[in-house]
Structures are given as C-alpha cells and as structure tokens.
Amino acid sequence: MRRRAGSARKMMAFSRIVNCHTEEDYEKVFKKAGEALVLVEFVAGWSTSSKSMQPYMNTLAKSPEYKKIHFVRVDMEALPAVAQRCNVKALPTYQLYRNGEKVEEMSGAMPAKLVAMLKTHHVKEKKGGPGKLIGLVGAIVVSIFGLLKLKDSIEEWEAEAEERAAILEAQAEAREQSRNAASRRRK
C-alpha cells in the first residue's frame, strides 16, 4: 500500500515535538537539552484550546529559527503528577525552561504571545556567549592593526611629502644661486 504525501504518519515522523508518556520521558528531555531552551506544552484531549494550538506548535517546532529549542508535549491526563508539580492551572499552558529552571510561563491559546515569548528568550540566548566575545575581540584587534597600518601609511606619505618639499626647495635654491651667478657674470 502506497502512502500519500500528506499522511499523518509522515507528519509524525518529522515532528520535533516529544510526547511524554511517562515521568522518565519528561526527565530525559531536560537531561538531553542541557543548557538549551525547553518549551513544555501542557494539554488535554478534551481541551479545544489545546487542539487549536497544535498546528501552531507543529509549525514552530519545524521552523529552522527555533531548531535549538526542545519542544515537549505533556498530556495532563496521562501525567497528572508532572502537571501538578509544574503548577499547571489552565489549558493549554506553555512553560519555558533553561537549565531545568522555569524562565517564563503563559496560559491560553494565544499564538502571537507564544511566539513573542520564544523570540524574547531565544534572541537573548543568541546574543551572548564566548563565540561572540571572541569575535568582538578579534574585530577590535583587526581594527587596531588596520589603524596602525593607516598611521604608518600616513607617516610614510608625510615623509615623502617632506622629501619632495626639500628637493623642490633645494632645486629652487640652486636655480636662485645660478641666476645670481649669471647676473654677476653679466655685470
């Protein structure tokens, strides 16, 4: 039997959202993520708001912009202990973690607010780091060398200009002396 391109099984294969069925699954996600951001979506099968947000979550998870974020879906009915431990009071609830600590939380089916939350923390993550610092120091060093080379070039140009001026002055003086000598001979 041949599958069509839009089949649900194919969509599941490319999804980056981890569906946690046990508490061990939930804990493994955080261990695997390390210092990366983890977005946990708390849902329930009966919640229409949770169902309405699924396409948005799938789109965000597939987006190359958020490829370093780990996406997790927790069904509150399957894991009530996790939902209680995370203090979930409304559906859907989205909690953003870094290093296992909650950074931000939002409740409700508001895609724009969810994207804003991700961008805020994802951009902060991108800005810092040793790589940026090394790049900045490298740029400063290259700029300093460039300025030193420019200074050397200017000094060289000034020295050449002084030489040219001295040569022109010497030539003018020599012409003046030869004129004086010629006028003395005429007298």
Protein backbone atom coordinates (compact mmCIF):
# COMPACT_ATOMS: atom_id res chain seq x y z
CA MET A 1 0.00 0.00 0.00
CA ARG A 2 1.42 3.37 -1.01
CA ARG A 3 1.08 6.40 1.30
CA ARG A 4 0.11 9.84 0.16
CA ALA A 5 2.45 12.76 0.84
CA GLY A 6 0.22 14.35 3.47
CA SER A 7 -0.38 11.30 5.62
CA ALA A 8 -0.48 11.65 9.40
CA ARG A 9 2.22 9.02 9.89
CA LYS A 10 4.62 11.01 7.74
CA MET A 11 3.84 14.18 9.70
CA MET A 12 4.60 12.36 12.96
CA ALA A 13 7.96 11.22 11.59
CA PHE A 14 9.18 14.78 11.01
CA SER A 15 7.76 16.32 14.19
CA ARG A 16 10.30 17.67 16.67
CA ILE A 17 7.76 17.66 19.48
CA VAL A 18 8.45 14.98 22.08
CA ASN A 19 5.25 13.50 23.50
CA CYS A 20 5.96 12.47 27.09
CA HIS A 21 4.06 9.39 28.22
CA THR A 22 5.98 8.77 31.45
CA GLU A 23 7.74 10.89 34.04
CA GLU A 24 11.02 9.31 32.92
CA ASP A 25 10.41 10.61 29.37
CA TYR A 26 9.83 14.07 30.83
CA GLU A 27 13.06 13.99 32.85
CA LYS A 28 15.09 12.65 29.87
CA VAL A 29 14.13 15.67 27.77
CA PHE A 30 15.69 18.05 30.30
CA LYS A 31 18.84 15.94 30.64
CA LYS A 32 19.23 15.81 26.86
CA ALA A 33 18.58 19.56 26.46
CA GLY A 34 21.34 20.63 28.84
CA GLU A 35 21.56 24.43 28.65
CA ALA A 36 19.23 24.73 25.64
CA LEU A 37 15.71 26.10 25.93
CA VAL A 38 12.87 23.63 26.53
CA LEU A 39 9.26 24.59 25.74
CA VAL A 40 6.75 22.38 27.55
CA GLU A 41 3.15 22.39 26.33
CA PHE A 42 0.59 21.04 28.80
CA VAL A 43 -2.55 19.79 27.02
CA ALA A 44 -5.55 17.53 27.48
CA GLY A 45 -7.51 15.56 24.91
CA TRP A 46 -10.80 17.18 25.84
CA SER A 47 -9.48 20.77 25.65
CA THR A 48 -10.49 22.53 22.43
CA SER A 49 -7.96 25.29 23.09
CA SER A 50 -5.18 22.71 23.27
CA LYS A 51 -6.33 21.19 19.98
CA SER A 52 -6.49 24.60 18.31
CA MET A 53 -2.85 25.33 19.23
CA GLN A 54 -1.45 22.05 17.83
CA PRO A 55 -0.88 23.38 14.28
CA TYR A 56 0.99 26.41 15.67
CA MET A 57 3.20 24.24 17.85
CA ASN A 58 3.95 21.94 14.91
CA THR A 59 4.89 24.93 12.76
CA LEU A 60 7.14 26.40 15.46
CA ALA A 61 8.82 23.05 16.06
CA LYS A 62 9.59 22.68 12.34
CA SER A 63 10.82 26.25 11.96
CA PRO A 64 14.59 26.50 11.39
CA GLU A 65 14.63 29.63 13.56
CA TYR A 66 13.80 27.53 16.63
CA LYS A 67 15.84 24.42 15.83
CA LYS A 68 17.84 24.71 19.08
CA ILE A 69 14.71 24.71 21.24
CA HIS A 70 13.41 21.38 22.53
CA PHE A 71 9.62 21.07 22.22
CA VAL A 72 7.74 18.83 24.68
CA ARG A 73 4.04 17.97 24.90
CA VAL A 74 2.64 16.65 28.19
CA ASP A 75 -0.90 15.28 28.39
CA MET A 76 -2.23 16.27 31.81
CA GLU A 77 -4.50 13.24 31.93
CA ALA A 78 -1.59 10.85 31.33
CA LEU A 79 0.85 12.63 33.68
CA PRO A 80 -1.15 14.45 36.36
CA ALA A 81 1.81 14.37 38.78
CA VAL A 82 4.02 16.33 36.36
CA ALA A 83 1.24 18.86 35.73
CA GLN A 84 0.71 19.29 39.47
CA ARG A 85 4.46 19.62 40.15
CA CYS A 86 4.66 22.30 37.43
CA ASN A 87 1.67 24.11 38.96
CA VAL A 88 -0.48 24.00 35.81
CA LYS A 89 -3.87 25.61 36.39
CA ALA A 90 -5.18 26.28 32.85
CA LEU A 91 -5.05 24.69 29.40
CA PRO A 92 -3.07 24.98 27.31
CA THR A 93 -0.12 26.10 29.44
CA TYR A 94 3.32 26.78 27.99
CA GLN A 95 6.38 26.82 30.21
CA LEU A 96 9.84 27.75 29.00
CA TYR A 97 12.84 26.25 30.81
CA ARG A 98 16.59 26.78 30.68
CA ASN A 99 18.93 24.54 32.68
CA GLY A 100 15.88 22.88 34.25
CA GLU A 101 14.60 26.16 35.74
CA LYS A 102 11.39 27.83 34.62
CA VAL A 103 12.14 31.07 32.78
CA GLU A 104 8.64 32.08 31.71
CA GLU A 105 5.08 30.75 31.58
CA MET A 106 1.90 31.59 29.71
CA SER A 107 -1.57 30.09 29.59
CA GLY A 108 -4.18 30.19 26.85
CA ALA A 109 -4.42 29.71 23.11
CA MET A 110 -2.52 32.84 22.03
CA PRO A 111 -0.08 32.03 19.23
CA ALA A 112 1.30 35.58 18.95
CA LYS A 113 2.11 35.69 22.66
CA LEU A 114 3.80 32.28 22.43
CA VAL A 115 5.97 33.40 19.51
CA ALA A 116 6.88 36.61 21.36
CA MET A 117 7.89 34.59 24.42
CA LEU A 118 10.09 32.29 22.31
CA LYS A 119 11.70 35.15 20.41
CA THR A 120 12.45 37.05 23.61
CA HIS A 121 14.35 34.20 25.20
CA HIS A 122 15.77 32.70 22.01
CA VAL A 123 17.26 36.05 20.95
CA LYS A 124 18.80 36.52 24.42
CA GLU A 125 20.38 33.10 24.03
CA LYS A 126 21.81 34.01 20.64
CA LYS A 127 23.31 37.35 21.68
CA GLY A 128 25.80 36.27 24.31
CA GLY A 129 28.34 33.57 24.62
CA PRO A 130 32.07 33.14 24.29
CA GLY A 131 31.91 32.95 20.49
CA LYS A 132 30.51 36.47 20.27
CA LEU A 133 33.12 37.75 22.74
CA ILE A 134 35.96 36.15 20.78
CA GLY A 135 34.55 37.63 17.58
CA LEU A 136 34.35 41.08 19.18
CA VAL A 137 37.94 40.89 20.48
CA GLY A 138 39.11 39.68 17.06
CA ALA A 139 37.36 42.59 15.35
CA ILE A 140 38.96 45.05 17.78
CA VAL A 141 42.43 43.56 17.18
CA VAL A 142 41.97 43.68 13.40
CA SER A 143 40.77 47.30 13.69
CA ILE A 144 43.82 48.24 15.75
CA PHE A 145 46.17 46.66 13.20
CA GLY A 146 44.31 48.43 10.43
CA LEU A 147 44.66 51.77 12.23
CA LEU A 148 48.39 51.15 12.82
CA LYS A 149 48.87 50.35 9.13
CA LEU A 150 46.95 53.51 8.20
CA LYS A 151 49.13 55.54 10.60
CA ASP A 152 52.27 54.06 9.03
CA SER A 153 50.98 54.89 5.55
CA ILE A 154 50.21 58.48 6.57
CA GLU A 155 53.65 58.89 8.17
CA GLU A 156 55.25 57.46 5.02
CA TRP A 157 53.23 59.85 2.85
CA GLU A 158 54.18 62.79 5.09
CA ALA A 159 57.88 61.79 4.93
CA GLU A 160 57.68 61.57 1.13
CA ALA A 161 55.94 64.95 1.01
CA GLU A 162 58.68 66.47 3.20
CA GLU A 163 61.33 64.92 0.91
CA ARG A 164 59.61 66.33 -2.16
CA ALA A 165 59.36 69.73 -0.48
CA ALA A 166 63.05 69.61 0.48
CA ILE A 167 64.02 68.61 -3.07
CA LEU A 168 61.88 71.39 -4.55
CA GLU A 169 63.37 73.85 -2.08
CA ALA A 170 66.90 72.70 -2.94
CA GLN A 171 66.14 72.98 -6.66
CA ALA A 172 64.68 76.44 -6.18
CA GLU A 173 67.74 77.47 -4.16
CA ALA A 174 70.06 76.06 -6.85
CA ARG A 175 68.18 77.98 -9.55
CA GLU A 176 68.41 81.13 -7.47
CA GLN A 177 72.16 80.67 -7.00
CA SER A 178 72.69 80.03 -10.71
CA ARG A 179 70.70 83.19 -11.56
CA ASN A 180 72.74 85.19 -9.08
CA ALA A 181 75.95 83.77 -10.53
CA ALA A 182 74.78 84.54 -14.09
CA SER A 183 73.80 88.11 -13.18
CA ARG A 184 77.22 88.63 -11.52
CA ARG A 185 78.97 87.49 -14.68
CA ARG A 186 76.97 89.93 -16.75
CA LYS A 187 77.95 92.87 -14.60
